[in-house]
Protein backbone atom coordinates (compact mmCIF):
# COMPACT_ATOMS: atom_id res chain seq x y z
CA UNK A 1 0.00 0.00 0.00
CA UNK A 2 2.94 2.42 0.36
CA UNK A 3 4.76 1.84 -2.92
CA UNK A 4 5.27 5.56 -3.58
CA UNK A 5 6.24 6.50 -0.03
CA UNK A 6 9.98 6.25 -0.72
CA UNK A 7 11.08 8.08 -3.83
CA UNK A 8 14.06 5.70 -4.18
CA UNK A 9 11.55 2.94 -4.97
CA UNK A 10 10.57 4.75 -8.19
CA UNK A 11 12.96 3.27 -10.75
CA UNK A 12 12.76 5.51 -13.81
CA UNK A 13 15.12 3.32 -15.84
CA UNK A 14 13.00 0.24 -15.15
CA UNK A 15 9.88 2.13 -16.22
CA UNK A 16 11.52 3.08 -19.54
CA UNK A 17 12.78 -0.49 -20.01
CA UNK A 18 9.30 -1.93 -19.38
CA UNK A 19 7.75 0.56 -21.77
CA UNK A 20 10.21 -0.42 -24.48
CA UNK A 21 9.70 -4.13 -23.87
CA UNK A 22 5.88 -3.92 -23.79
CA UNK A 23 5.25 -0.92 -26.02
CA UNK A 24 2.55 -2.81 -27.92
CA UNK A 25 0.58 -3.38 -24.70
CA UNK A 26 1.11 -0.27 -22.58
CA UNK A 27 -1.26 2.62 -23.13
CA UNK A 28 -0.27 4.89 -20.26
CA UNK A 29 1.25 5.31 -16.82
CA UNK A 30 -0.55 5.12 -13.49
CA UNK A 31 0.21 6.93 -10.25
CA UNK A 32 -1.74 6.10 -7.10
CA UNK A 33 -1.78 9.37 -5.19
CA UNK A 34 -3.28 8.76 -1.77
CA UNK A 35 -2.02 9.43 1.75
CA UNK A 36 -1.63 5.71 2.44
CA UNK A 37 0.49 5.24 -0.70
CA UNK A 38 2.65 8.37 -0.90
CA UNK A 39 3.22 8.87 2.82
CA UNK A 40 5.56 11.79 3.47
CA UNK A 41 6.46 12.01 -0.25
CA UNK A 42 3.30 14.05 -0.80
CA UNK A 43 2.82 15.21 -4.39
CA UNK A 44 6.40 14.44 -5.51
CA UNK A 45 5.58 10.98 -6.94
CA UNK A 46 3.05 12.68 -9.22
CA UNK A 47 5.70 15.15 -10.39
CA UNK A 48 7.91 12.18 -11.29
CA UNK A 49 5.02 10.44 -13.06
CA UNK A 50 4.26 13.64 -14.97
CA UNK A 51 7.88 13.83 -16.13
CA UNK A 52 7.87 10.19 -17.23
CA UNK A 53 4.58 10.78 -19.02
CA UNK A 54 6.08 13.71 -20.90
CA UNK A 55 9.26 11.81 -21.74
CA UNK A 56 7.33 8.82 -23.12
CA UNK A 57 4.38 10.68 -24.69
CA UNK A 58 2.00 8.42 -22.78
CA UNK A 59 -1.02 9.71 -20.86
CA UNK A 60 -1.13 9.60 -17.10
CA UNK A 61 -3.84 7.96 -15.03
CA UNK A 62 -4.06 9.19 -11.47
CA UNK A 63 -5.76 7.00 -8.90
CA UNK A 64 -6.94 9.45 -6.27
CA UNK A 65 -7.43 8.36 -2.71
CA UNK A 66 -7.50 10.10 0.63
CA UNK A 67 -5.80 13.46 1.09
CA UNK A 68 -3.22 14.78 1.41
CA UNK A 69 -2.30 15.66 -1.26
CA UNK A 70 -5.25 17.88 -2.00
CA UNK A 71 -7.25 17.27 -5.17
CA UNK A 72 -6.43 20.79 -6.39
CA UNK A 73 -2.72 20.00 -6.29
CA UNK A 74 -3.30 16.84 -8.31
CA UNK A 75 -5.55 18.48 -10.90
CA UNK A 76 -3.00 21.23 -11.51
CA UNK A 77 -0.54 18.64 -12.83
CA UNK A 78 -2.88 16.92 -15.26
CA UNK A 79 -3.00 17.53 -19.01
CA UNK A 80 -5.43 16.85 -21.81
CA UNK A 81 -5.71 13.08 -22.32
CA UNK A 82 -4.90 12.20 -18.72
CA UNK A 83 -7.40 10.24 -16.65
CA UNK A 84 -8.61 10.50 -13.05
CA UNK A 85 -9.94 7.38 -11.40
CA UNK A 86 -11.68 6.90 -8.04
CA UNK A 87 -12.26 10.65 -7.57
PDB file of N, CA and C in Angstrom:
ATOM      1  N   UNK A   1       0.810  -1.209   0.000  1.00  0.00           N
ATOM      2  CA  UNK A   1       0.000   0.000   0.000  1.00  0.00           C
ATOM      3  C   UNK A   1       0.850   1.269   0.000  1.00  0.00           C
ATOM      4  N   UNK A   2       2.129   1.194   0.253  1.00  0.00           N
ATOM      5  CA  UNK A   2       2.936   2.418   0.357  1.00  0.00           C
ATOM      6  C   UNK A   2       4.027   2.482  -0.706  1.00  0.00           C
ATOM      7  N   UNK A   3       3.724   1.973  -1.900  1.00  0.00           N
ATOM      8  CA  UNK A   3       4.758   1.841  -2.920  1.00  0.00           C
ATOM      9  C   UNK A   3       5.355   3.156  -3.410  1.00  0.00           C
ATOM     10  N   UNK A   4       4.707   4.272  -3.165  1.00  0.00           N
ATOM     11  CA  UNK A   4       5.273   5.564  -3.577  1.00  0.00           C
ATOM     12  C   UNK A   4       5.734   6.393  -2.385  1.00  0.00           C
ATOM     13  N   UNK A   5       5.857   5.759  -1.235  1.00  0.00           N
ATOM     14  CA  UNK A   5       6.241   6.499  -0.034  1.00  0.00           C
ATOM     15  C   UNK A   5       7.736   6.796   0.026  1.00  0.00           C
ATOM     16  N   UNK A   6       8.533   5.995  -0.644  1.00  0.00           N
ATOM     17  CA  UNK A   6       9.978   6.247  -0.720  1.00  0.00           C
ATOM     18  C   UNK A   6      10.336   6.510  -2.175  1.00  0.00           C
ATOM     19  N   UNK A   7      10.798   7.696  -2.456  1.00  0.00           N
ATOM     20  CA  UNK A   7      11.084   8.077  -3.833  1.00  0.00           C
ATOM     21  C   UNK A   7      12.155   7.192  -4.466  1.00  0.00           C
ATOM     22  N   UNK A   8      13.031   6.611  -3.652  1.00  0.00           N
ATOM     23  CA  UNK A   8      14.059   5.703  -4.178  1.00  0.00           C
ATOM     24  C   UNK A   8      13.451   4.445  -4.781  1.00  0.00           C
ATOM     25  N   UNK A   9      12.209   4.124  -4.418  1.00  0.00           N
ATOM     26  CA  UNK A   9      11.551   2.944  -4.968  1.00  0.00           C
ATOM     27  C   UNK A   9      11.042   3.185  -6.391  1.00  0.00           C
ATOM     28  N   UNK A  10      11.024   4.430  -6.826  1.00  0.00           N
ATOM     29  CA  UNK A  10      10.571   4.747  -8.187  1.00  0.00           C
ATOM     30  C   UNK A  10      11.783   4.628  -9.100  1.00  0.00           C
ATOM     31  N   UNK A  11      11.819   3.567  -9.879  1.00  0.00           N
ATOM     32  CA  UNK A  11      12.960   3.267 -10.749  1.00  0.00           C
ATOM     33  C   UNK A  11      12.639   3.725 -12.174  1.00  0.00           C
ATOM     34  N   UNK A  12      13.076   4.928 -12.500  1.00  0.00           N
ATOM     35  CA  UNK A  12      12.763   5.507 -13.809  1.00  0.00           C
ATOM     36  C   UNK A  12      13.313   4.654 -14.957  1.00  0.00           C
ATOM     37  N   UNK A  13      14.512   4.145 -14.788  1.00  0.00           N
ATOM     38  CA  UNK A  13      15.120   3.325 -15.844  1.00  0.00           C
ATOM     39  C   UNK A  13      14.308   2.052 -16.079  1.00  0.00           C
ATOM     40  N   UNK A  14      13.815   1.447 -15.019  1.00  0.00           N
ATOM     41  CA  UNK A  14      13.005   0.243 -15.151  1.00  0.00           C
ATOM     42  C   UNK A  14      11.670   0.549 -15.825  1.00  0.00           C
ATOM     43  N   UNK A  15      11.121   1.715 -15.555  1.00  0.00           N
ATOM     44  CA  UNK A  15       9.884   2.131 -16.222  1.00  0.00           C
ATOM     45  C   UNK A  15      10.125   2.234 -17.730  1.00  0.00           C
ATOM     46  N   UNK A  16      11.199   2.915 -18.111  1.00  0.00           N
ATOM     47  CA  UNK A  16      11.523   3.078 -19.536  1.00  0.00           C
ATOM     48  C   UNK A  16      11.768   1.721 -20.184  1.00  0.00           C
ATOM     49  N   UNK A  17      12.497   0.852 -19.490  1.00  0.00           N
ATOM     50  CA  UNK A  17      12.779  -0.487 -20.009  1.00  0.00           C
ATOM     51  C   UNK A  17      11.479  -1.274 -20.219  1.00  0.00           C
ATOM     52  N   UNK A  18      10.577  -1.227 -19.254  1.00  0.00           N
ATOM     53  CA  UNK A  18       9.299  -1.933 -19.377  1.00  0.00           C
ATOM     54  C   UNK A  18       8.476  -1.366 -20.524  1.00  0.00           C
ATOM     55  N   UNK A  19       8.494  -0.054 -20.677  1.00  0.00           N
ATOM     56  CA  UNK A  19       7.749   0.562 -21.772  1.00  0.00           C
ATOM     57  C   UNK A  19       8.300   0.147 -23.131  1.00  0.00           C
ATOM     58  N   UNK A  20       9.598   0.034 -23.227  1.00  0.00           N
ATOM     59  CA  UNK A  20      10.208  -0.419 -24.480  1.00  0.00           C
ATOM     60  C   UNK A  20       9.866  -1.879 -24.753  1.00  0.00           C
ATOM     61  N   UNK A  21       9.944  -2.702 -23.726  1.00  0.00           N
ATOM     62  CA  UNK A  21       9.695  -4.129 -23.872  1.00  0.00           C
ATOM     63  C   UNK A  21       8.232  -4.433 -24.184  1.00  0.00           C
ATOM     64  N   UNK A  22       7.319  -3.653 -23.626  1.00  0.00           N
ATOM     65  CA  UNK A  22       5.883  -3.920 -23.789  1.00  0.00           C
ATOM     66  C   UNK A  22       5.153  -2.770 -24.481  1.00  0.00           C
ATOM     67  N   UNK A  23       5.835  -2.096 -25.371  1.00  0.00           N
ATOM     68  CA  UNK A  23       5.252  -0.915 -26.021  1.00  0.00           C
ATOM     69  C   UNK A  23       3.950  -1.224 -26.760  1.00  0.00           C
ATOM     70  N   UNK A  24       3.783  -2.454 -27.206  1.00  0.00           N
ATOM     71  CA  UNK A  24       2.553  -2.814 -27.920  1.00  0.00           C
ATOM     72  C   UNK A  24       1.382  -3.081 -26.975  1.00  0.00           C
ATOM     73  N   UNK A  25       1.637  -3.103 -25.665  1.00  0.00           N
ATOM     74  CA  UNK A  25       0.583  -3.384 -24.698  1.00  0.00           C
ATOM     75  C   UNK A  25       0.312  -2.221 -23.743  1.00  0.00           C
ATOM     76  N   UNK A  26       1.262  -1.371 -23.542  1.00  0.00           N
ATOM     77  CA  UNK A  26       1.109  -0.272 -22.579  1.00  0.00           C
ATOM     78  C   UNK A  26       0.467   0.936 -23.241  1.00  0.00           C
ATOM     79  N   UNK A  27      -0.546   1.471 -22.577  1.00  0.00           N
ATOM     80  CA  UNK A  27      -1.256   2.617 -23.132  1.00  0.00           C
ATOM     81  C   UNK A  27      -1.098   3.870 -22.279  1.00  0.00           C
ATOM     82  N   UNK A  28      -0.445   3.737 -21.124  1.00  0.00           N
ATOM     83  CA  UNK A  28      -0.266   4.888 -20.256  1.00  0.00           C
ATOM     84  C   UNK A  28       0.454   4.500 -18.972  1.00  0.00           C
ATOM     85  N   UNK A  29       0.599   5.484 -18.112  1.00  0.00           N
ATOM     86  CA  UNK A  29       1.253   5.307 -16.817  1.00  0.00           C
ATOM     87  C   UNK A  29       0.251   5.615 -15.717  1.00  0.00           C
ATOM     88  N   UNK A  30       0.377   4.908 -14.593  1.00  0.00           N
ATOM     89  CA  UNK A  30      -0.547   5.118 -13.488  1.00  0.00           C
ATOM     90  C   UNK A  30       0.219   5.540 -12.239  1.00  0.00           C
ATOM     91  N   UNK A  31      -0.333   6.510 -11.545  1.00  0.00           N
ATOM     92  CA  UNK A  31       0.209   6.926 -10.248  1.00  0.00           C
ATOM     93  C   UNK A  31      -0.934   6.896  -9.243  1.00  0.00           C
ATOM     94  N   UNK A  32      -0.738   6.183  -8.171  1.00  0.00           N
ATOM     95  CA  UNK A  32      -1.742   6.104  -7.102  1.00  0.00           C
ATOM     96  C   UNK A  32      -1.375   7.142  -6.065  1.00  0.00           C
ATOM     97  N   UNK A  33      -2.106   8.236  -6.056  1.00  0.00           N
ATOM     98  CA  UNK A  33      -1.779   9.367  -5.195  1.00  0.00           C
ATOM     99  C   UNK A  33      -2.807   9.436  -4.062  1.00  0.00           C
ATOM    100  N   UNK A  34      -2.435   8.828  -2.955  1.00  0.00           N
ATOM    101  CA  UNK A  34      -3.276   8.765  -1.765  1.00  0.00           C
ATOM    102  C   UNK A  34      -2.363   8.793  -0.549  1.00  0.00           C
ATOM    103  N   UNK A  35      -2.826   9.327   0.528  1.00  0.00           N
ATOM    104  CA  UNK A  35      -2.022   9.434   1.753  1.00  0.00           C
ATOM    105  C   UNK A  35      -1.390   8.101   2.132  1.00  0.00           C
ATOM    106  N   UNK A  36      -2.138   7.015   2.040  1.00  0.00           N
ATOM    107  CA  UNK A  36      -1.628   5.707   2.442  1.00  0.00           C
ATOM    108  C   UNK A  36      -0.550   5.179   1.499  1.00  0.00           C
ATOM    109  N   UNK A  37      -0.473   5.716   0.296  1.00  0.00           N
ATOM    110  CA  UNK A  37       0.489   5.242  -0.702  1.00  0.00           C
ATOM    111  C   UNK A  37       1.716   6.141  -0.778  1.00  0.00           C
ATOM    112  N   UNK A  38       1.521   7.448  -0.737  1.00  0.00           N
ATOM    113  CA  UNK A  38       2.652   8.368  -0.900  1.00  0.00           C
ATOM    114  C   UNK A  38       3.327   8.725   0.410  1.00  0.00           C
ATOM    115  N   UNK A  39       2.631   8.542   1.523  1.00  0.00           N
ATOM    116  CA  UNK A  39       3.220   8.868   2.822  1.00  0.00           C
ATOM    117  C   UNK A  39       3.732  10.299   2.864  1.00  0.00           C
ATOM    118  N   UNK A  40       4.950  10.469   3.343  1.00  0.00           N
ATOM    119  CA  UNK A  40       5.558  11.793   3.469  1.00  0.00           C
ATOM    120  C   UNK A  40       6.044  12.356   2.134  1.00  0.00           C
ATOM    121  N   UNK A  41       6.016  11.543   1.072  1.00  0.00           N
ATOM    122  CA  UNK A  41       6.463  12.010  -0.249  1.00  0.00           C
ATOM    123  C   UNK A  41       5.503  13.031  -0.847  1.00  0.00           C
ATOM    124  N   UNK A  42       4.266  13.060  -0.344  1.00  0.00           N
ATOM    125  CA  UNK A  42       3.303  14.048  -0.803  1.00  0.00           C
ATOM    126  C   UNK A  42       3.045  13.973  -2.293  1.00  0.00           C
ATOM    127  N   UNK A  43       3.138  15.102  -2.962  1.00  0.00           N
ATOM    128  CA  UNK A  43       2.822  15.214  -4.385  1.00  0.00           C
ATOM    129  C   UNK A  43       4.015  14.859  -5.288  1.00  0.00           C
ATOM    130  N   UNK A  44       5.185  14.682  -4.705  1.00  0.00           N
ATOM    131  CA  UNK A  44       6.399  14.443  -5.508  1.00  0.00           C
ATOM    132  C   UNK A  44       6.303  13.223  -6.420  1.00  0.00           C
ATOM    133  N   UNK A  45       5.716  12.097  -5.997  1.00  0.00           N
ATOM    134  CA  UNK A  45       5.581  10.981  -6.939  1.00  0.00           C
ATOM    135  C   UNK A  45       4.783  11.352  -8.190  1.00  0.00           C
ATOM    136  N   UNK A  46       3.815  12.240  -8.048  1.00  0.00           N
ATOM    137  CA  UNK A  46       3.054  12.676  -9.216  1.00  0.00           C
ATOM    138  C   UNK A  46       3.905  13.553 -10.129  1.00  0.00           C
ATOM    139  N   UNK A  47       4.770  14.363  -9.561  1.00  0.00           N
ATOM    140  CA  UNK A  47       5.700  15.145 -10.387  1.00  0.00           C
ATOM    141  C   UNK A  47       6.592  14.215 -11.206  1.00  0.00           C
ATOM    142  N   UNK A  48       7.065  13.147 -10.590  1.00  0.00           N
ATOM    143  CA  UNK A  48       7.906  12.177 -11.291  1.00  0.00           C
ATOM    144  C   UNK A  48       7.105  11.474 -12.381  1.00  0.00           C
ATOM    145  N   UNK A  49       5.886  11.079 -12.071  1.00  0.00           N
ATOM    146  CA  UNK A  49       5.024  10.436 -13.062  1.00  0.00           C
ATOM    147  C   UNK A  49       4.740  11.377 -14.227  1.00  0.00           C
ATOM    148  N   UNK A  50       4.511  12.651 -13.924  1.00  0.00           N
ATOM    149  CA  UNK A  50       4.257  13.636 -14.973  1.00  0.00           C
ATOM    150  C   UNK A  50       5.464  13.746 -15.905  1.00  0.00           C
ATOM    151  N   UNK A  51       6.659  13.758 -15.328  1.00  0.00           N
ATOM    152  CA  UNK A  51       7.883  13.834 -16.128  1.00  0.00           C
ATOM    153  C   UNK A  51       8.029  12.591 -17.009  1.00  0.00           C
ATOM    154  N   UNK A  52       7.797  11.419 -16.435  1.00  0.00           N
ATOM    155  CA  UNK A  52       7.869  10.193 -17.228  1.00  0.00           C
ATOM    156  C   UNK A  52       6.805  10.178 -18.323  1.00  0.00           C
ATOM    157  N   UNK A  53       5.637  10.688 -18.032  1.00  0.00           N
ATOM    158  CA  UNK A  53       4.577  10.783 -19.021  1.00  0.00           C
ATOM    159  C   UNK A  53       5.006  11.681 -20.181  1.00  0.00           C
ATOM    160  N   UNK A  54       5.607  12.791 -19.852  1.00  0.00           N
ATOM    161  CA  UNK A  54       6.079  13.714 -20.895  1.00  0.00           C
ATOM    162  C   UNK A  54       7.200  13.099 -21.723  1.00  0.00           C
ATOM    163  N   UNK A  55       8.118  12.421 -21.051  1.00  0.00           N
ATOM    164  CA  UNK A  55       9.261  11.808 -21.745  1.00  0.00           C
ATOM    165  C   UNK A  55       8.827  10.683 -22.679  1.00  0.00           C
ATOM    166  N   UNK A  56       7.757   9.978 -22.339  1.00  0.00           N
ATOM    167  CA  UNK A  56       7.329   8.820 -23.120  1.00  0.00           C
ATOM    168  C   UNK A  56       6.129   9.103 -24.027  1.00  0.00           C
ATOM    169  N   UNK A  57       5.573  10.292 -23.916  1.00  0.00           N
ATOM    170  CA  UNK A  57       4.380  10.679 -24.690  1.00  0.00           C
ATOM    171  C   UNK A  57       3.177   9.789 -24.392  1.00  0.00           C
ATOM    172  N   UNK A  58       3.138   9.236 -23.200  1.00  0.00           N
ATOM    173  CA  UNK A  58       2.003   8.423 -22.776  1.00  0.00           C
ATOM    174  C   UNK A  58       1.156   9.211 -21.779  1.00  0.00           C
ATOM    175  N   UNK A  59      -0.167   9.019 -21.827  1.00  0.00           N
ATOM    176  CA  UNK A  59      -1.018   9.713 -20.859  1.00  0.00           C
ATOM    177  C   UNK A  59      -0.808   9.171 -19.452  1.00  0.00           C
ATOM    178  N   UNK A  60      -1.256   9.937 -18.512  1.00  0.00           N
ATOM    179  CA  UNK A  60      -1.125   9.605 -17.104  1.00  0.00           C
ATOM    180  C   UNK A  60      -2.502   9.326 -16.527  1.00  0.00           C
ATOM    181  N   UNK A  61      -2.617   8.239 -15.780  1.00  0.00           N
ATOM    182  CA  UNK A  61      -3.840   7.961 -15.033  1.00  0.00           C
ATOM    183  C   UNK A  61      -3.511   8.138 -13.564  1.00  0.00           C
ATOM    184  N   UNK A  62      -4.291   8.946 -12.887  1.00  0.00           N
ATOM    185  CA  UNK A  62      -4.059   9.190 -11.467  1.00  0.00           C
ATOM    186  C   UNK A  62      -5.195   8.580 -10.672  1.00  0.00           C
ATOM    187  N   UNK A  63      -4.831   7.647  -9.829  1.00  0.00           N
ATOM    188  CA  UNK A  63      -5.762   6.999  -8.905  1.00  0.00           C
ATOM    189  C   UNK A  63      -5.760   7.859  -7.650  1.00  0.00           C
ATOM    190  N   UNK A  64      -6.857   8.519  -7.396  1.00  0.00           N
ATOM    191  CA  UNK A  64      -6.943   9.446  -6.273  1.00  0.00           C
ATOM    192  C   UNK A  64      -7.562   8.735  -5.078  1.00  0.00           C
ATOM    193  N   UNK A  65      -6.920   8.922  -3.954  1.00  0.00           N
ATOM    194  CA  UNK A  65      -7.425   8.356  -2.710  1.00  0.00           C
ATOM    195  C   UNK A  65      -7.607   9.455  -1.684  1.00  0.00           C
ATOM    196  N   UNK A  66      -7.319   9.136  -0.454  1.00  0.00           N
ATOM    197  CA  UNK A  66      -7.499  10.103   0.625  1.00  0.00           C
ATOM    198  C   UNK A  66      -6.386  11.143   0.644  1.00  0.00           C
ATOM    199  N   UNK A  67      -6.764  12.360   1.016  1.00  0.00           N
ATOM    200  CA  UNK A  67      -5.804  13.463   1.087  1.00  0.00           C
ATOM    201  C   UNK A  67      -4.992  13.357   2.374  1.00  0.00           C
ATOM    202  N   UNK A  68      -3.860  14.025   2.476  1.00  0.00           N
ATOM    203  CA  UNK A  68      -3.218  14.776   1.406  1.00  0.00           C
ATOM    204  C   UNK A  68      -2.528  13.854   0.410  1.00  0.00           C
ATOM    205  N   UNK A  69      -2.181  14.299  -0.760  1.00  0.00           N
ATOM    206  CA  UNK A  69      -2.300  15.659  -1.259  1.00  0.00           C
ATOM    207  C   UNK A  69      -3.726  16.043  -1.619  1.00  0.00           C
ATOM    208  N   UNK A  70      -3.929  17.341  -1.668  1.00  0.00           N
ATOM    209  CA  UNK A  70      -5.252  17.877  -2.002  1.00  0.00           C
ATOM    210  C   UNK A  70      -5.547  17.663  -3.484  1.00  0.00           C
ATOM    211  N   UNK A  71      -6.813  17.485  -3.787  1.00  0.00           N
ATOM    212  CA  UNK A  71      -7.250  17.268  -5.169  1.00  0.00           C
ATOM    213  C   UNK A  71      -6.825  18.414  -6.076  1.00  0.00           C
ATOM    214  N   UNK A  72      -6.829  19.637  -5.568  1.00  0.00           N
ATOM    215  CA  UNK A  72      -6.434  20.793  -6.386  1.00  0.00           C
ATOM    216  C   UNK A  72      -4.977  20.691  -6.817  1.00  0.00           C
ATOM    217  N   UNK A  73      -4.138  20.168  -5.954  1.00  0.00           N
ATOM    218  CA  UNK A  73      -2.719  19.995  -6.291  1.00  0.00           C
ATOM    219  C   UNK A  73      -2.538  18.939  -7.375  1.00  0.00           C
ATOM    220  N   UNK A  74      -3.363  17.911  -7.312  1.00  0.00           N
ATOM    221  CA  UNK A  74      -3.297  16.844  -8.311  1.00  0.00           C
ATOM    222  C   UNK A  74      -3.798  17.345  -9.660  1.00  0.00           C
ATOM    223  N   UNK A  75      -4.951  17.992  -9.658  1.00  0.00           N
ATOM    224  CA  UNK A  75      -5.551  18.477 -10.904  1.00  0.00           C
ATOM    225  C   UNK A  75      -4.646  19.458 -11.638  1.00  0.00           C
ATOM    226  N   UNK A  76      -3.899  20.245 -10.893  1.00  0.00           N
ATOM    227  CA  UNK A  76      -3.004  21.234 -11.507  1.00  0.00           C
ATOM    228  C   UNK A  76      -1.911  20.582 -12.346  1.00  0.00           C
ATOM    229  N   UNK A  77      -1.603  19.321 -12.098  1.00  0.00           N
ATOM    230  CA  UNK A  77      -0.544  18.637 -12.828  1.00  0.00           C
ATOM    231  C   UNK A  77      -1.038  17.810 -14.006  1.00  0.00           C
ATOM    232  N   UNK A  78      -2.343  17.736 -14.185  1.00  0.00           N
ATOM    233  CA  UNK A  78      -2.884  16.917 -15.265  1.00  0.00           C
ATOM    234  C   UNK A  78      -2.993  17.699 -16.564  1.00  0.00           C
ATOM    235  N   UNK A  79      -2.922  16.949 -17.664  1.00  0.00           N
ATOM    236  CA  UNK A  79      -3.002  17.532 -19.008  1.00  0.00           C
ATOM    237  C   UNK A  79      -4.110  16.858 -19.795  1.00  0.00           C
ATOM    238  N   UNK A  80      -4.421  17.420 -20.935  1.00  0.00           N
ATOM    239  CA  UNK A  80      -5.433  16.855 -21.813  1.00  0.00           C
ATOM    240  C   UNK A  80      -5.021  15.412 -22.155  1.00  0.00           C
ATOM    241  N   UNK A  81      -5.972  14.481 -22.030  1.00  0.00           N
ATOM    242  CA  UNK A  81      -5.711  13.078 -22.316  1.00  0.00           C
ATOM    243  C   UNK A  81      -5.406  12.260 -21.073  1.00  0.00           C
ATOM    244  N   UNK A  82      -5.112  12.923 -19.965  1.00  0.00           N
ATOM    245  CA  UNK A  82      -4.898  12.204 -18.715  1.00  0.00           C
ATOM    246  C   UNK A  82      -6.238  11.758 -18.144  1.00  0.00           C
ATOM    247  N   UNK A  83      -6.190  10.826 -17.200  1.00  0.00           N
ATOM    248  CA  UNK A  83      -7.404  10.236 -16.648  1.00  0.00           C
ATOM    249  C   UNK A  83      -7.340  10.295 -15.120  1.00  0.00           C
ATOM    250  N   UNK A  84      -8.478  10.570 -14.514  1.00  0.00           N
ATOM    251  CA  UNK A  84      -8.612  10.498 -13.051  1.00  0.00           C
ATOM    252  C   UNK A  84      -9.515   9.307 -12.764  1.00  0.00           C
ATOM    253  N   UNK A  85      -9.106   8.511 -11.792  1.00  0.00           N
ATOM    254  CA  UNK A  85      -9.940   7.385 -11.395  1.00  0.00           C
ATOM    255  C   UNK A  85     -10.160   7.432  -9.879  1.00  0.00           C
ATOM    256  N   UNK A  86     -11.295   6.973  -9.453  1.00  0.00           N
ATOM    257  CA  UNK A  86     -11.680   6.903  -8.044  1.00  0.00           C
ATOM    258  C   UNK A  86     -11.736   8.295  -7.402  1.00  0.00           C
ATOM    259  N   UNK A  87     -12.209   9.287  -8.112  1.00  0.00           N
ATOM    260  CA  UNK A  87     -12.258  10.645  -7.572  1.00  0.00           C
ATOM    261  C   UNK A  87     -13.186  10.701  -6.402  1.00  0.00           C
TER     262      UNK A  87
END
